[in-house]
Amino acid sequence: MLTRTLDQVQVDTINALLAAAAHWSLSWLAYGLATAWHEARLKPIEEWGKGKGRPYAKPGKYGQSQHGRGLVQLTWDRNYEWADRALGLKGALLKDFDRALEPAIAVAILVKGMEAGAFACDRTGARHSLPRHLPGWRGDLGQFAEARRIINGTDKAAAIAALAVRFQHALEKGGWA
């Protein structure tokens, strides 16, 4: 997991996530941190390779590549539209998808999107959310693995679940309540 020193952007992102998710349960926060670590190393970034070879790498209706950005690697025009509406950005995100790289926006997308189940599965259209997969205060390995469906199907679910268990343990030790 974390085997090196965090830089200031990572520390600021963690602090912003802790503040934005202050109402979250232990399991939700652990899973949010595990996702942000897996997808972006706790630092809003553009998707590695910018979606090269994938359909969302091409410009969409807003003339921009729809590749992943932020902490959850937001993709596709429809998800940028959701985020713009949900965050009250009045078209600012649609004019510039790179706004999803701003730490405050990236954190808000993660928190609101994971709570609401905003990121529909491309294959089934199903919406998965934190309340659906992590209904209790604490989560277990199986629940964390299923929670991967919130962001990206079951890709790397076991690895992210293991990270979530470690984050959950650390948050408990740190007194998250």
C-alpha atoms as a PDB file:
ATOM      1  CA  MET A   1       0.000   0.000   0.000  1.00  0.00           C
ATOM      2  CA  LEU A   2       1.634   3.261   1.051  1.00  0.00           C
ATOM      3  CA  THR A   3       5.340   2.600   1.200  1.00  0.00           C
ATOM      4  CA  ARG A   4       6.624   6.065   0.489  1.00  0.00           C
ATOM      5  CA  THR A   5       6.241   9.596   1.729  1.00  0.00           C
ATOM      6  CA  LEU A   6       3.126  11.412   0.580  1.00  0.00           C
ATOM      7  CA  ASP A   7       3.522  14.700  -1.269  1.00  0.00           C
ATOM      8  CA  GLN A   8       1.546  17.807  -0.346  1.00  0.00           C
ATOM      9  CA  VAL A   9      -1.123  17.258  -3.018  1.00  0.00           C
ATOM     10  CA  GLN A  10      -1.786  13.781  -1.615  1.00  0.00           C
ATOM     11  CA  VAL A  11      -1.985  15.113   1.944  1.00  0.00           C
ATOM     12  CA  ASP A  12      -4.327  17.900   0.826  1.00  0.00           C
ATOM     13  CA  THR A  13      -6.480  15.387  -1.060  1.00  0.00           C
ATOM     14  CA  ILE A  14      -6.746  13.132   1.994  1.00  0.00           C
ATOM     15  CA  ASN A  15      -7.658  16.108   4.193  1.00  0.00           C
ATOM     16  CA  ALA A  16     -10.271  17.269   1.670  1.00  0.00           C
ATOM     17  CA  LEU A  17     -11.721  13.771   1.486  1.00  0.00           C
ATOM     18  CA  LEU A  18     -11.866  13.494   5.284  1.00  0.00           C
ATOM     19  CA  ALA A  19     -13.728  16.817   5.444  1.00  0.00           C
ATOM     20  CA  ALA A  20     -16.115  16.094   2.553  1.00  0.00           C
ATOM     21  CA  ALA A  21     -16.851  12.610   3.847  1.00  0.00           C
ATOM     22  CA  ALA A  22     -17.148  13.498   7.546  1.00  0.00           C
ATOM     23  CA  HIS A  23     -20.663  12.011   7.517  1.00  0.00           C
ATOM     24  CA  TRP A  24     -19.460   8.691   6.074  1.00  0.00           C
ATOM     25  CA  SER A  25     -19.185   5.414   7.961  1.00  0.00           C
ATOM     26  CA  LEU A  26     -15.843   3.770   8.572  1.00  0.00           C
ATOM     27  CA  SER A  27     -16.378   1.314   5.694  1.00  0.00           C
ATOM     28  CA  TRP A  28     -17.373   4.020   3.230  1.00  0.00           C
ATOM     29  CA  LEU A  29     -14.313   6.128   3.987  1.00  0.00           C
ATOM     30  CA  ALA A  30     -11.990   3.127   3.854  1.00  0.00           C
ATOM     31  CA  TYR A  31     -13.411   2.182   0.468  1.00  0.00           C
ATOM     32  CA  GLY A  32     -13.227   5.761  -0.828  1.00  0.00           C
ATOM     33  CA  LEU A  33      -9.568   6.007   0.177  1.00  0.00           C
ATOM     34  CA  ALA A  34      -8.798   2.599  -1.340  1.00  0.00           C
ATOM     35  CA  THR A  35     -10.437   3.636  -4.604  1.00  0.00           C
ATOM     36  CA  ALA A  36      -8.611   6.982  -4.703  1.00  0.00           C
ATOM     37  CA  TRP A  37      -5.325   5.190  -4.023  1.00  0.00           C
ATOM     38  CA  HIS A  38      -5.899   2.521  -6.674  1.00  0.00           C
ATOM     39  CA  GLU A  39      -7.223   4.840  -9.381  1.00  0.00           C
ATOM     40  CA  ALA A  40      -4.997   7.852  -8.809  1.00  0.00           C
ATOM     41  CA  ARG A  41      -2.564   7.367  -5.907  1.00  0.00           C
ATOM     42  CA  LEU A  42      -4.563   9.890  -3.848  1.00  0.00           C
ATOM     43  CA  LYS A  43      -3.857  12.634  -6.357  1.00  0.00           C
ATOM     44  CA  PRO A  44      -6.274  13.803  -9.069  1.00  0.00           C
ATOM     45  CA  ILE A  45      -4.678  12.699 -12.331  1.00  0.00           C
ATOM     46  CA  GLU A  46      -5.465  12.000 -15.954  1.00  0.00           C
ATOM     47  CA  GLU A  47      -5.887   8.355 -16.849  1.00  0.00           C
ATOM     48  CA  TRP A  48      -2.576   6.719 -17.677  1.00  0.00           C
ATOM     49  CA  GLY A  49      -2.411   6.565 -21.467  1.00  0.00           C
ATOM     50  CA  LYS A  50      -5.425   8.894 -21.734  1.00  0.00           C
ATOM     51  CA  GLY A  51      -7.665   6.000 -22.767  1.00  0.00           C
ATOM     52  CA  LYS A  52      -5.551   5.132 -25.805  1.00  0.00           C
ATOM     53  CA  GLY A  53      -7.298   2.435 -27.836  1.00  0.00           C
ATOM     54  CA  ARG A  54     -10.591   2.773 -25.929  1.00  0.00           C
ATOM     55  CA  PRO A  55     -13.740   4.363 -27.316  1.00  0.00           C
ATOM     56  CA  TYR A  56     -13.817   7.075 -24.652  1.00  0.00           C
ATOM     57  CA  ALA A  57     -10.407   8.383 -25.753  1.00  0.00           C
ATOM     58  CA  LYS A  58     -12.104  10.016 -28.736  1.00  0.00           C
ATOM     59  CA  PRO A  59     -13.623  13.477 -28.493  1.00  0.00           C
ATOM     60  CA  GLY A  60     -17.275  13.399 -27.503  1.00  0.00           C
ATOM     61  CA  LYS A  61     -20.020  15.942 -28.007  1.00  0.00           C
ATOM     62  CA  TYR A  62     -18.053  18.568 -26.059  1.00  0.00           C
ATOM     63  CA  GLY A  63     -15.034  18.203 -28.374  1.00  0.00           C
ATOM     64  CA  GLN A  64     -12.838  16.727 -25.636  1.00  0.00           C
ATOM     65  CA  SER A  65     -11.392  13.301 -25.046  1.00  0.00           C
ATOM     66  CA  GLN A  66     -13.653  11.479 -22.603  1.00  0.00           C
ATOM     67  CA  HIS A  67     -10.747   9.662 -20.914  1.00  0.00           C
ATOM     68  CA  GLY A  68     -10.544   9.340 -17.159  1.00  0.00           C
ATOM     69  CA  ARG A  69      -9.705  12.227 -14.882  1.00  0.00           C
ATOM     70  CA  GLY A  70      -9.702  12.872 -11.169  1.00  0.00           C
ATOM     71  CA  LEU A  71      -9.739  10.417  -8.276  1.00  0.00           C
ATOM     72  CA  VAL A  72     -12.285   8.002  -9.768  1.00  0.00           C
ATOM     73  CA  GLN A  73     -11.136   8.381 -13.374  1.00  0.00           C
ATOM     74  CA  LEU A  74     -14.374   9.926 -14.577  1.00  0.00           C
ATOM     75  CA  THR A  75     -15.039   8.905 -18.204  1.00  0.00           C
ATOM     76  CA  TRP A  76     -17.666   9.524 -20.897  1.00  0.00           C
ATOM     77  CA  ASP A  77     -19.621  12.687 -21.605  1.00  0.00           C
ATOM     78  CA  ARG A  78     -22.641  11.499 -19.573  1.00  0.00           C
ATOM     79  CA  ASN A  79     -20.549  11.211 -16.403  1.00  0.00           C
ATOM     80  CA  TYR A  80     -19.035  14.664 -16.897  1.00  0.00           C
ATOM     81  CA  GLU A  81     -22.606  15.960 -17.393  1.00  0.00           C
ATOM     82  CA  TRP A  82     -23.730  14.294 -14.158  1.00  0.00           C
ATOM     83  CA  ALA A  83     -20.770  15.730 -12.241  1.00  0.00           C
ATOM     84  CA  ASP A  84     -21.316  19.228 -13.624  1.00  0.00           C
ATOM     85  CA  ARG A  85     -24.983  19.125 -12.531  1.00  0.00           C
ATOM     86  CA  ALA A  86     -24.368  17.445  -9.167  1.00  0.00           C
ATOM     87  CA  LEU A  87     -21.676  19.931  -8.208  1.00  0.00           C
ATOM     88  CA  GLY A  88     -23.583  22.967  -9.519  1.00  0.00           C
ATOM     89  CA  LEU A  89     -20.768  23.949 -11.884  1.00  0.00           C
ATOM     90  CA  LYS A  90     -23.139  25.465 -14.468  1.00  0.00           C
ATOM     91  CA  GLY A  91     -21.305  24.092 -17.483  1.00  0.00           C
ATOM     92  CA  ALA A  92     -17.757  24.844 -16.296  1.00  0.00           C
ATOM     93  CA  LEU A  93     -16.801  21.168 -16.237  1.00  0.00           C
ATOM     94  CA  LEU A  94     -18.378  20.597 -19.662  1.00  0.00           C
ATOM     95  CA  LYS A  95     -16.298  23.424 -21.115  1.00  0.00           C
ATOM     96  CA  ASP A  96     -13.128  21.946 -19.627  1.00  0.00           C
ATOM     97  CA  PHE A  97     -13.073  18.312 -18.516  1.00  0.00           C
ATOM     98  CA  ASP A  98      -9.664  18.967 -16.932  1.00  0.00           C
ATOM     99  CA  ARG A  99     -11.488  20.793 -14.126  1.00  0.00           C
ATOM    100  CA  ALA A 100     -12.023  17.256 -12.741  1.00  0.00           C
ATOM    101  CA  LEU A 101      -8.304  17.374 -11.895  1.00  0.00           C
ATOM    102  CA  GLU A 102      -8.839  20.158  -9.363  1.00  0.00           C
ATOM    103  CA  PRO A 103      -8.642  18.545  -5.913  1.00  0.00           C
ATOM    104  CA  ALA A 104     -11.901  20.033  -4.584  1.00  0.00           C
ATOM    105  CA  ILE A 105     -13.833  18.970  -7.677  1.00  0.00           C
ATOM    106  CA  ALA A 106     -12.195  15.525  -7.778  1.00  0.00           C
ATOM    107  CA  VAL A 107     -13.072  14.906  -4.115  1.00  0.00           C
ATOM    108  CA  ALA A 108     -16.659  16.100  -4.598  1.00  0.00           C
ATOM    109  CA  ILE A 109     -17.080  13.796  -7.612  1.00  0.00           C
ATOM    110  CA  LEU A 110     -15.811  10.829  -5.604  1.00  0.00           C
ATOM    111  CA  VAL A 111     -17.994  11.561  -2.554  1.00  0.00           C
ATOM    112  CA  LYS A 112     -21.220  12.428  -4.348  1.00  0.00           C
ATOM    113  CA  GLY A 113     -20.781   9.827  -7.061  1.00  0.00           C
ATOM    114  CA  MET A 114     -20.043   6.930  -4.743  1.00  0.00           C
ATOM    115  CA  GLU A 115     -22.911   7.875  -2.418  1.00  0.00           C
ATOM    116  CA  ALA A 116     -25.448   8.251  -5.219  1.00  0.00           C
ATOM    117  CA  GLY A 117     -24.319   5.420  -7.463  1.00  0.00           C
ATOM    118  CA  ALA A 118     -23.789   7.943 -10.221  1.00  0.00           C
ATOM    119  CA  PHE A 119     -21.441   5.894 -12.365  1.00  0.00           C
ATOM    120  CA  ALA A 120     -23.586   3.459 -14.378  1.00  0.00           C
ATOM    121  CA  CYS A 121     -22.025   0.210 -15.536  1.00  0.00           C
ATOM    122  CA  ASP A 122     -21.426   0.368 -19.301  1.00  0.00           C
ATOM    123  CA  ARG A 123     -22.433  -3.251 -19.821  1.00  0.00           C
ATOM    124  CA  THR A 124     -25.629  -3.394 -17.774  1.00  0.00           C
ATOM    125  CA  GLY A 125     -26.528   0.201 -16.948  1.00  0.00           C
ATOM    126  CA  ALA A 126     -26.786  -0.867 -13.286  1.00  0.00           C
ATOM    127  CA  ARG A 127     -26.005   1.725 -10.652  1.00  0.00           C
ATOM    128  CA  HIS A 128     -23.992   0.728  -7.624  1.00  0.00           C
ATOM    129  CA  SER A 129     -23.544   2.854  -4.514  1.00  0.00           C
ATOM    130  CA  LEU A 130     -21.917   2.798  -1.104  1.00  0.00           C
ATOM    131  CA  PRO A 131     -25.248   2.234   0.713  1.00  0.00           C
ATOM    132  CA  ARG A 132     -25.959  -0.747  -1.535  1.00  0.00           C
ATOM    133  CA  HIS A 133     -22.627  -2.493  -0.988  1.00  0.00           C
ATOM    134  CA  LEU A 134     -21.521  -1.244   2.436  1.00  0.00           C
ATOM    135  CA  PRO A 135     -24.674  -0.907   4.559  1.00  0.00           C
ATOM    136  CA  GLY A 136     -22.983  -1.226   7.967  1.00  0.00           C
ATOM    137  CA  TRP A 137     -20.388   0.756   9.901  1.00  0.00           C
ATOM    138  CA  ARG A 138     -17.633  -1.784   9.113  1.00  0.00           C
ATOM    139  CA  GLY A 139     -17.082  -3.631   5.877  1.00  0.00           C
ATOM    140  CA  ASP A 140     -15.601  -7.031   5.202  1.00  0.00           C
ATOM    141  CA  LEU A 141     -13.431  -8.266   2.358  1.00  0.00           C
ATOM    142  CA  GLY A 142     -16.399  -9.607   0.376  1.00  0.00           C
ATOM    143  CA  GLN A 143     -18.391  -6.388   0.699  1.00  0.00           C
ATOM    144  CA  PHE A 144     -15.387  -4.310  -0.338  1.00  0.00           C
ATOM    145  CA  ALA A 145     -14.829  -6.545  -3.377  1.00  0.00           C
ATOM    146  CA  GLU A 146     -18.467  -6.116  -4.444  1.00  0.00           C
ATOM    147  CA  ALA A 147     -18.197  -2.349  -3.875  1.00  0.00           C
ATOM    148  CA  ARG A 148     -15.770  -2.184  -6.798  1.00  0.00           C
ATOM    149  CA  ARG A 149     -18.882  -2.228  -8.988  1.00  0.00           C
ATOM    150  CA  ILE A 150     -19.457   1.395  -7.913  1.00  0.00           C
ATOM    151  CA  ILE A 151     -16.583   2.560 -10.109  1.00  0.00           C
ATOM    152  CA  ASN A 152     -15.442  -0.109 -12.539  1.00  0.00           C
ATOM    153  CA  GLY A 153     -17.199  -3.463 -12.580  1.00  0.00           C
ATOM    154  CA  THR A 154     -15.028  -6.071 -10.924  1.00  0.00           C
ATOM    155  CA  ASP A 155     -11.667  -4.983 -12.344  1.00  0.00           C
ATOM    156  CA  LYS A 156      -9.017  -5.392  -9.605  1.00  0.00           C
ATOM    157  CA  ALA A 157     -11.787  -5.915  -7.013  1.00  0.00           C
ATOM    158  CA  ALA A 158      -9.757  -8.224  -4.759  1.00  0.00           C
ATOM    159  CA  ALA A 159      -6.740  -5.921  -4.646  1.00  0.00           C
ATOM    160  CA  ILE A 160      -8.856  -2.851  -3.879  1.00  0.00           C
ATOM    161  CA  ALA A 161     -10.827  -4.786  -1.254  1.00  0.00           C
ATOM    162  CA  ALA A 162      -7.563  -5.703   0.473  1.00  0.00           C
ATOM    163  CA  LEU A 163      -6.552  -2.030   0.461  1.00  0.00           C
ATOM    164  CA  ALA A 164      -9.933  -1.055   1.907  1.00  0.00           C
ATOM    165  CA  VAL A 165      -9.494  -3.517   4.762  1.00  0.00           C
ATOM    166  CA  ARG A 166      -6.099  -1.966   5.524  1.00  0.00           C
ATOM    167  CA  PHE A 167      -7.491   1.572   5.352  1.00  0.00           C
ATOM    168  CA  GLN A 168     -10.393   0.537   7.589  1.00  0.00           C
ATOM    169  CA  HIS A 169      -7.978  -0.842  10.159  1.00  0.00           C
ATOM    170  CA  ALA A 170      -5.859   2.322  10.040  1.00  0.00           C
ATOM    171  CA  LEU A 171      -8.937   4.550  10.371  1.00  0.00           C
ATOM    172  CA  GLU A 172     -10.104   2.520  13.394  1.00  0.00           C
ATOM    173  CA  LYS A 173      -6.670   2.838  14.987  1.00  0.00           C
ATOM    174  CA  GLY A 174      -6.808   6.571  14.288  1.00  0.00           C
ATOM    175  CA  GLY A 175     -10.186   6.888  15.996  1.00  0.00           C
ATOM    176  CA  TRP A 176     -12.468   7.598  13.001  1.00  0.00           C
ATOM    177  CA  ALA A 177     -15.935   7.878  14.462  1.00  0.00           C
END
